[in-house]
Amino acid sequence: MPSIRDLTVAIRQRPGIEAVVVLGRDGLLIDAQSKIPVNPEDLAARIPGLVASADEIGHTTQRGEMRLALVEHENGYAIVSSVGDDALLCVLTDPTAEEFAWAPDGRRVAFHSRRNGQWGIYVLSRT
């Protein structure tokens, strides 16, 4: 079974991915890979506030807890995904990155990609 480091390295190597941060729901850094100047511990500490706000919106609108949050910035995206009950994944991308989403059980990731000139949806399993 791949380690957390294996997964962060694999995600970080995808085109358009600038940084990958895995953290506990308490904001403590578990692992990070980055090609841009970012402080992963500082970023990890800020993510629980975003998740708490997204959860409040979900509860207020009767949609439940956050599974995925996509924040569009001027120069790219911050994608925060719930990975099981205890961890979160934050991926910083440039605007050209292929988008993806983790399954709620944290064992699979679905992404869309252009392969051989055709866009498709692909699923990659951790096991």
N, C-alpha and C. Protein backbone atom coordinates (compact mmCIF):
# COMPACT_ATOMS: atom_id res chain seq x y z
N MET A 1 0.85 -1.17 0.00
CA MET A 1 0.00 0.00 0.00
C MET A 1 0.90 1.24 0.00
N PRO A 2 0.61 2.22 -0.85
CA PRO A 2 1.43 3.44 -0.89
C PRO A 2 1.35 4.22 0.41
N SER A 3 2.44 4.88 0.74
CA SER A 3 2.48 5.73 1.92
C SER A 3 1.89 7.11 1.59
N ILE A 4 1.68 7.91 2.63
CA ILE A 4 1.21 9.28 2.41
C ILE A 4 2.22 10.04 1.56
N ARG A 5 3.50 9.84 1.83
CA ARG A 5 4.54 10.50 1.05
C ARG A 5 4.45 10.10 -0.43
N ASP A 6 4.23 8.80 -0.70
CA ASP A 6 4.08 8.34 -2.08
C ASP A 6 2.95 9.09 -2.78
N LEU A 7 1.83 9.26 -2.08
CA LEU A 7 0.68 9.94 -2.67
C LEU A 7 0.95 11.42 -2.90
N THR A 8 1.58 12.10 -1.92
CA THR A 8 1.85 13.53 -2.10
C THR A 8 2.83 13.75 -3.25
N VAL A 9 3.82 12.89 -3.35
CA VAL A 9 4.78 13.01 -4.46
C VAL A 9 4.07 12.76 -5.79
N ALA A 10 3.23 11.73 -5.86
CA ALA A 10 2.53 11.41 -7.11
C ALA A 10 1.60 12.54 -7.54
N ILE A 11 0.87 13.11 -6.59
CA ILE A 11 -0.04 14.21 -6.93
C ILE A 11 0.76 15.43 -7.37
N ARG A 12 1.83 15.75 -6.64
CA ARG A 12 2.65 16.93 -6.93
C ARG A 12 3.27 16.85 -8.33
N GLN A 13 3.51 15.65 -8.83
CA GLN A 13 4.14 15.47 -10.14
C GLN A 13 3.17 15.67 -11.31
N ARG A 14 1.88 15.76 -11.02
CA ARG A 14 0.90 15.95 -12.10
C ARG A 14 1.04 17.36 -12.67
N PRO A 15 0.76 17.53 -13.95
CA PRO A 15 0.88 18.86 -14.56
C PRO A 15 -0.01 19.88 -13.88
N GLY A 16 0.54 21.05 -13.61
CA GLY A 16 -0.22 22.15 -13.03
C GLY A 16 -0.32 22.15 -11.52
N ILE A 17 0.13 21.09 -10.85
CA ILE A 17 0.07 21.02 -9.40
C ILE A 17 1.30 21.73 -8.84
N GLU A 18 1.06 22.72 -7.98
CA GLU A 18 2.16 23.50 -7.42
C GLU A 18 2.53 23.09 -6.00
N ALA A 19 1.55 22.66 -5.22
CA ALA A 19 1.83 22.23 -3.85
C ALA A 19 0.76 21.25 -3.38
N VAL A 20 1.16 20.32 -2.53
CA VAL A 20 0.26 19.33 -1.93
C VAL A 20 0.54 19.32 -0.43
N VAL A 21 -0.52 19.48 0.35
CA VAL A 21 -0.39 19.49 1.81
C VAL A 21 -1.41 18.51 2.39
N VAL A 22 -0.94 17.59 3.21
CA VAL A 22 -1.82 16.68 3.95
C VAL A 22 -1.73 17.10 5.41
N LEU A 23 -2.89 17.26 6.03
CA LEU A 23 -2.92 17.74 7.41
C LEU A 23 -4.02 17.05 8.19
N GLY A 24 -3.88 17.07 9.50
CA GLY A 24 -4.95 16.60 10.36
C GLY A 24 -6.05 17.63 10.41
N ARG A 25 -7.23 17.23 10.80
CA ARG A 25 -8.34 18.19 10.90
C ARG A 25 -8.08 19.28 11.94
N ASP A 26 -7.08 19.05 12.79
CA ASP A 26 -6.69 20.06 13.77
C ASP A 26 -5.72 21.09 13.21
N GLY A 27 -5.31 20.93 11.95
CA GLY A 27 -4.42 21.88 11.33
C GLY A 27 -2.94 21.54 11.44
N LEU A 28 -2.62 20.40 12.01
CA LEU A 28 -1.22 20.00 12.12
C LEU A 28 -0.77 19.32 10.83
N LEU A 29 0.38 19.74 10.35
CA LEU A 29 0.94 19.23 9.10
C LEU A 29 1.32 17.76 9.24
N ILE A 30 0.94 16.96 8.24
CA ILE A 30 1.33 15.56 8.17
C ILE A 30 2.43 15.39 7.12
N ASP A 31 2.22 15.96 5.93
CA ASP A 31 3.22 15.88 4.87
C ASP A 31 2.95 16.98 3.86
N ALA A 32 3.99 17.37 3.14
CA ALA A 32 3.83 18.41 2.11
C ALA A 32 4.89 18.26 1.04
N GLN A 33 4.52 18.62 -0.17
CA GLN A 33 5.43 18.69 -1.32
C GLN A 33 5.08 19.99 -2.03
N SER A 34 6.10 20.77 -2.41
CA SER A 34 5.82 22.05 -3.07
C SER A 34 6.93 22.43 -4.02
N LYS A 35 6.53 23.06 -5.13
CA LYS A 35 7.53 23.63 -6.04
C LYS A 35 7.48 25.15 -6.01
N ILE A 36 6.61 25.71 -5.17
CA ILE A 36 6.50 27.16 -5.03
C ILE A 36 6.86 27.55 -3.60
N PRO A 37 7.24 28.79 -3.37
CA PRO A 37 7.57 29.21 -2.01
C PRO A 37 6.30 29.36 -1.17
N VAL A 38 6.00 28.35 -0.37
CA VAL A 38 4.84 28.37 0.51
C VAL A 38 5.26 27.72 1.82
N ASN A 39 4.77 28.24 2.94
CA ASN A 39 5.05 27.66 4.24
C ASN A 39 3.97 26.62 4.52
N PRO A 40 4.26 25.33 4.40
CA PRO A 40 3.22 24.32 4.55
C PRO A 40 2.59 24.29 5.94
N GLU A 41 3.36 24.57 6.99
CA GLU A 41 2.79 24.57 8.33
C GLU A 41 1.79 25.72 8.50
N ASP A 42 2.11 26.89 7.94
CA ASP A 42 1.20 28.03 8.00
C ASP A 42 -0.07 27.74 7.21
N LEU A 43 0.08 27.18 6.03
CA LEU A 43 -1.07 26.83 5.20
C LEU A 43 -1.94 25.81 5.92
N ALA A 44 -1.33 24.77 6.48
CA ALA A 44 -2.08 23.73 7.20
C ALA A 44 -2.86 24.32 8.37
N ALA A 45 -2.27 25.30 9.05
CA ALA A 45 -2.94 25.92 10.20
C ALA A 45 -4.17 26.73 9.78
N ARG A 46 -4.21 27.22 8.55
CA ARG A 46 -5.33 28.05 8.09
C ARG A 46 -6.50 27.24 7.50
N ILE A 47 -6.24 26.04 7.07
CA ILE A 47 -7.26 25.25 6.38
C ILE A 47 -8.45 24.87 7.27
N PRO A 48 -8.27 24.50 8.54
CA PRO A 48 -9.44 24.16 9.36
C PRO A 48 -10.48 25.28 9.44
N GLY A 49 -10.07 26.54 9.38
CA GLY A 49 -11.04 27.65 9.38
C GLY A 49 -11.90 27.63 8.13
N LEU A 50 -11.29 27.34 6.99
CA LEU A 50 -12.03 27.22 5.73
C LEU A 50 -13.03 26.06 5.81
N VAL A 51 -12.57 24.94 6.34
CA VAL A 51 -13.43 23.76 6.46
C VAL A 51 -14.59 24.04 7.42
N ALA A 52 -14.30 24.70 8.54
CA ALA A 52 -15.37 25.02 9.50
C ALA A 52 -16.43 25.90 8.86
N SER A 53 -16.01 26.90 8.08
CA SER A 53 -16.97 27.77 7.39
C SER A 53 -17.78 26.97 6.37
N ALA A 54 -17.11 26.11 5.61
CA ALA A 54 -17.82 25.29 4.62
C ALA A 54 -18.81 24.35 5.31
N ASP A 55 -18.41 23.77 6.44
CA ASP A 55 -19.33 22.89 7.19
C ASP A 55 -20.54 23.67 7.70
N GLU A 56 -20.33 24.90 8.18
CA GLU A 56 -21.46 25.73 8.64
C GLU A 56 -22.44 25.99 7.50
N ILE A 57 -21.92 26.30 6.33
CA ILE A 57 -22.79 26.50 5.16
C ILE A 57 -23.56 25.23 4.86
N GLY A 58 -22.86 24.09 4.89
CA GLY A 58 -23.52 22.81 4.62
C GLY A 58 -24.61 22.48 5.61
N HIS A 59 -24.37 22.76 6.88
CA HIS A 59 -25.38 22.47 7.90
C HIS A 59 -26.55 23.44 7.80
N THR A 60 -26.25 24.72 7.55
CA THR A 60 -27.31 25.73 7.42
C THR A 60 -28.23 25.42 6.25
N THR A 61 -27.66 24.89 5.18
CA THR A 61 -28.44 24.59 3.97
C THR A 61 -28.85 23.12 3.88
N GLN A 62 -28.63 22.38 4.96
CA GLN A 62 -28.98 20.97 5.06
C GLN A 62 -28.32 20.12 3.98
N ARG A 63 -27.05 20.42 3.70
CA ARG A 63 -26.29 19.66 2.72
C ARG A 63 -25.20 18.81 3.36
N GLY A 64 -25.04 18.91 4.68
CA GLY A 64 -24.07 18.08 5.38
C GLY A 64 -22.68 18.68 5.42
N GLU A 65 -21.72 17.84 5.78
CA GLU A 65 -20.34 18.29 5.94
C GLU A 65 -19.64 18.45 4.60
N MET A 66 -18.63 19.28 4.61
CA MET A 66 -17.83 19.53 3.41
C MET A 66 -17.05 18.28 3.03
N ARG A 67 -17.06 17.97 1.77
CA ARG A 67 -16.22 16.91 1.21
C ARG A 67 -15.13 17.49 0.35
N LEU A 68 -15.46 18.58 -0.37
CA LEU A 68 -14.51 19.21 -1.27
C LEU A 68 -14.82 20.69 -1.35
N ALA A 69 -13.79 21.51 -1.23
CA ALA A 69 -13.94 22.95 -1.39
C ALA A 69 -12.96 23.40 -2.48
N LEU A 70 -13.46 24.18 -3.42
CA LEU A 70 -12.64 24.72 -4.49
C LEU A 70 -12.66 26.23 -4.37
N VAL A 71 -11.48 26.81 -4.16
CA VAL A 71 -11.36 28.26 -4.03
C VAL A 71 -10.54 28.75 -5.22
N GLU A 72 -11.17 29.62 -6.02
CA GLU A 72 -10.48 30.15 -7.19
C GLU A 72 -9.82 31.48 -6.82
N HIS A 73 -8.54 31.56 -7.08
CA HIS A 73 -7.76 32.79 -6.85
C HIS A 73 -7.37 33.36 -8.21
N GLU A 74 -6.77 34.53 -8.22
CA GLU A 74 -6.34 35.15 -9.47
C GLU A 74 -5.39 34.27 -10.27
N ASN A 75 -4.52 33.55 -9.57
CA ASN A 75 -3.46 32.79 -10.25
C ASN A 75 -3.53 31.30 -10.00
N GLY A 76 -4.71 30.77 -9.79
CA GLY A 76 -4.83 29.34 -9.60
C GLY A 76 -5.91 28.99 -8.60
N TYR A 77 -5.89 27.74 -8.16
CA TYR A 77 -6.93 27.22 -7.30
C TYR A 77 -6.34 26.62 -6.03
N ALA A 78 -7.12 26.63 -4.98
CA ALA A 78 -6.85 25.87 -3.76
C ALA A 78 -7.99 24.87 -3.65
N ILE A 79 -7.66 23.60 -3.65
CA ILE A 79 -8.66 22.54 -3.56
C ILE A 79 -8.43 21.84 -2.22
N VAL A 80 -9.45 21.82 -1.38
CA VAL A 80 -9.36 21.17 -0.09
C VAL A 80 -10.36 20.02 -0.08
N SER A 81 -9.85 18.84 0.23
CA SER A 81 -10.69 17.65 0.20
C SER A 81 -10.56 16.90 1.52
N SER A 82 -11.70 16.39 1.98
CA SER A 82 -11.71 15.54 3.15
C SER A 82 -11.16 14.17 2.75
N VAL A 83 -10.21 13.66 3.52
CA VAL A 83 -9.63 12.34 3.25
C VAL A 83 -9.86 11.49 4.50
N GLY A 84 -10.99 10.85 4.55
CA GLY A 84 -11.34 10.09 5.74
C GLY A 84 -11.81 10.99 6.87
N ASP A 85 -11.89 10.44 8.06
CA ASP A 85 -12.41 11.18 9.22
C ASP A 85 -11.38 12.09 9.87
N ASP A 86 -10.10 11.82 9.67
CA ASP A 86 -9.07 12.50 10.44
C ASP A 86 -8.16 13.42 9.64
N ALA A 87 -8.25 13.41 8.33
CA ALA A 87 -7.27 14.15 7.53
C ALA A 87 -7.91 14.96 6.41
N LEU A 88 -7.16 15.96 5.98
CA LEU A 88 -7.55 16.82 4.86
C LEU A 88 -6.39 16.88 3.88
N LEU A 89 -6.74 17.11 2.63
CA LEU A 89 -5.75 17.28 1.57
C LEU A 89 -5.98 18.64 0.95
N CYS A 90 -4.93 19.43 0.83
CA CYS A 90 -5.00 20.72 0.14
C CYS A 90 -4.05 20.67 -1.03
N VAL A 91 -4.55 21.00 -2.20
CA VAL A 91 -3.73 21.04 -3.41
C VAL A 91 -3.82 22.44 -3.99
N LEU A 92 -2.67 23.05 -4.22
CA LEU A 92 -2.60 24.35 -4.88
C LEU A 92 -2.21 24.11 -6.33
N THR A 93 -2.98 24.70 -7.24
CA THR A 93 -2.75 24.47 -8.66
C THR A 93 -2.60 25.79 -9.41
N ASP A 94 -2.01 25.68 -10.58
CA ASP A 94 -2.07 26.81 -11.49
C ASP A 94 -3.35 26.64 -12.30
N PRO A 95 -3.75 27.62 -13.08
CA PRO A 95 -5.04 27.53 -13.79
C PRO A 95 -5.13 26.41 -14.83
N THR A 96 -4.00 25.79 -15.20
CA THR A 96 -4.03 24.74 -16.23
C THR A 96 -4.14 23.33 -15.65
N ALA A 97 -4.17 23.19 -14.34
CA ALA A 97 -4.13 21.87 -13.71
C ALA A 97 -5.37 21.05 -14.01
N GLU A 98 -5.15 19.74 -14.05
CA GLU A 98 -6.27 18.81 -14.18
C GLU A 98 -6.96 18.72 -12.83
N GLU A 99 -8.28 18.76 -12.80
CA GLU A 99 -9.01 18.73 -11.55
C GLU A 99 -9.23 17.30 -11.10
N PHE A 100 -9.38 17.11 -9.79
CA PHE A 100 -9.59 15.78 -9.23
C PHE A 100 -10.40 15.86 -7.96
N ALA A 101 -10.88 14.70 -7.48
CA ALA A 101 -11.62 14.63 -6.22
C ALA A 101 -11.37 13.28 -5.58
N TRP A 102 -11.20 13.29 -4.27
CA TRP A 102 -11.02 12.05 -3.51
C TRP A 102 -12.38 11.44 -3.20
N ALA A 103 -12.44 10.11 -3.22
CA ALA A 103 -13.63 9.41 -2.75
C ALA A 103 -13.74 9.62 -1.24
N PRO A 104 -14.95 9.61 -0.68
CA PRO A 104 -15.11 9.84 0.76
C PRO A 104 -14.29 8.89 1.63
N ASP A 105 -14.05 7.66 1.16
CA ASP A 105 -13.26 6.71 1.96
C ASP A 105 -11.76 6.95 1.84
N GLY A 106 -11.34 7.90 0.99
CA GLY A 106 -9.93 8.23 0.85
C GLY A 106 -9.10 7.20 0.12
N ARG A 107 -9.74 6.21 -0.50
CA ARG A 107 -9.00 5.14 -1.16
C ARG A 107 -8.87 5.32 -2.67
N ARG A 108 -9.66 6.22 -3.24
CA ARG A 108 -9.61 6.43 -4.70
C ARG A 108 -9.64 7.91 -4.99
N VAL A 109 -9.06 8.27 -6.11
CA VAL A 109 -9.12 9.65 -6.57
C VAL A 109 -9.62 9.62 -8.01
N ALA A 110 -10.58 10.49 -8.31
CA ALA A 110 -11.11 10.61 -9.67
C ALA A 110 -10.58 11.92 -10.24
N PHE A 111 -10.21 11.91 -11.51
CA PHE A 111 -9.70 13.13 -12.13
C PHE A 111 -10.08 13.13 -13.60
N HIS A 112 -10.12 14.33 -14.16
CA HIS A 112 -10.33 14.38 -15.60
C HIS A 112 -9.04 14.82 -16.24
N SER A 113 -8.80 14.27 -17.40
CA SER A 113 -7.53 14.49 -18.06
C SER A 113 -7.73 14.36 -19.57
N ARG A 114 -6.90 15.04 -20.29
CA ARG A 114 -6.91 14.90 -21.75
C ARG A 114 -5.83 13.89 -22.12
N ARG A 115 -6.27 12.79 -22.67
CA ARG A 115 -5.34 11.74 -23.11
C ARG A 115 -5.64 11.42 -24.56
N ASN A 116 -4.61 11.42 -25.36
CA ASN A 116 -4.76 11.17 -26.79
C ASN A 116 -5.76 12.12 -27.42
N GLY A 117 -5.78 13.38 -26.94
CA GLY A 117 -6.65 14.39 -27.51
C GLY A 117 -8.09 14.34 -27.05
N GLN A 118 -8.44 13.40 -26.17
CA GLN A 118 -9.81 13.24 -25.70
C GLN A 118 -9.88 13.46 -24.19
N TRP A 119 -10.86 14.26 -23.73
CA TRP A 119 -11.08 14.43 -22.30
C TRP A 119 -11.82 13.21 -21.78
N GLY A 120 -11.44 12.74 -20.59
CA GLY A 120 -12.12 11.61 -19.96
C GLY A 120 -12.00 11.71 -18.46
N ILE A 121 -12.79 10.92 -17.76
CA ILE A 121 -12.74 10.84 -16.31
C ILE A 121 -12.07 9.50 -15.96
N TYR A 122 -11.07 9.57 -15.09
CA TYR A 122 -10.28 8.39 -14.72
C TYR A 122 -10.31 8.23 -13.21
N VAL A 123 -10.17 7.00 -12.73
CA VAL A 123 -10.15 6.72 -11.31
C VAL A 123 -8.87 5.96 -11.00
N LEU A 124 -8.16 6.42 -9.97
CA LEU A 124 -6.92 5.81 -9.54
C LEU A 124 -7.12 5.32 -8.12
N SER A 125 -6.77 4.06 -7.86
CA SER A 125 -6.96 3.47 -6.53
C SER A 125 -5.64 3.49 -5.77
N ARG A 126 -5.72 3.67 -4.44
CA ARG A 126 -4.52 3.66 -3.59
C ARG A 126 -3.99 2.25 -3.39
N THR A 127 -4.80 1.23 -3.58
CA THR A 127 -4.34 -0.14 -3.31
C THR A 127 -3.98 -0.86 -4.58
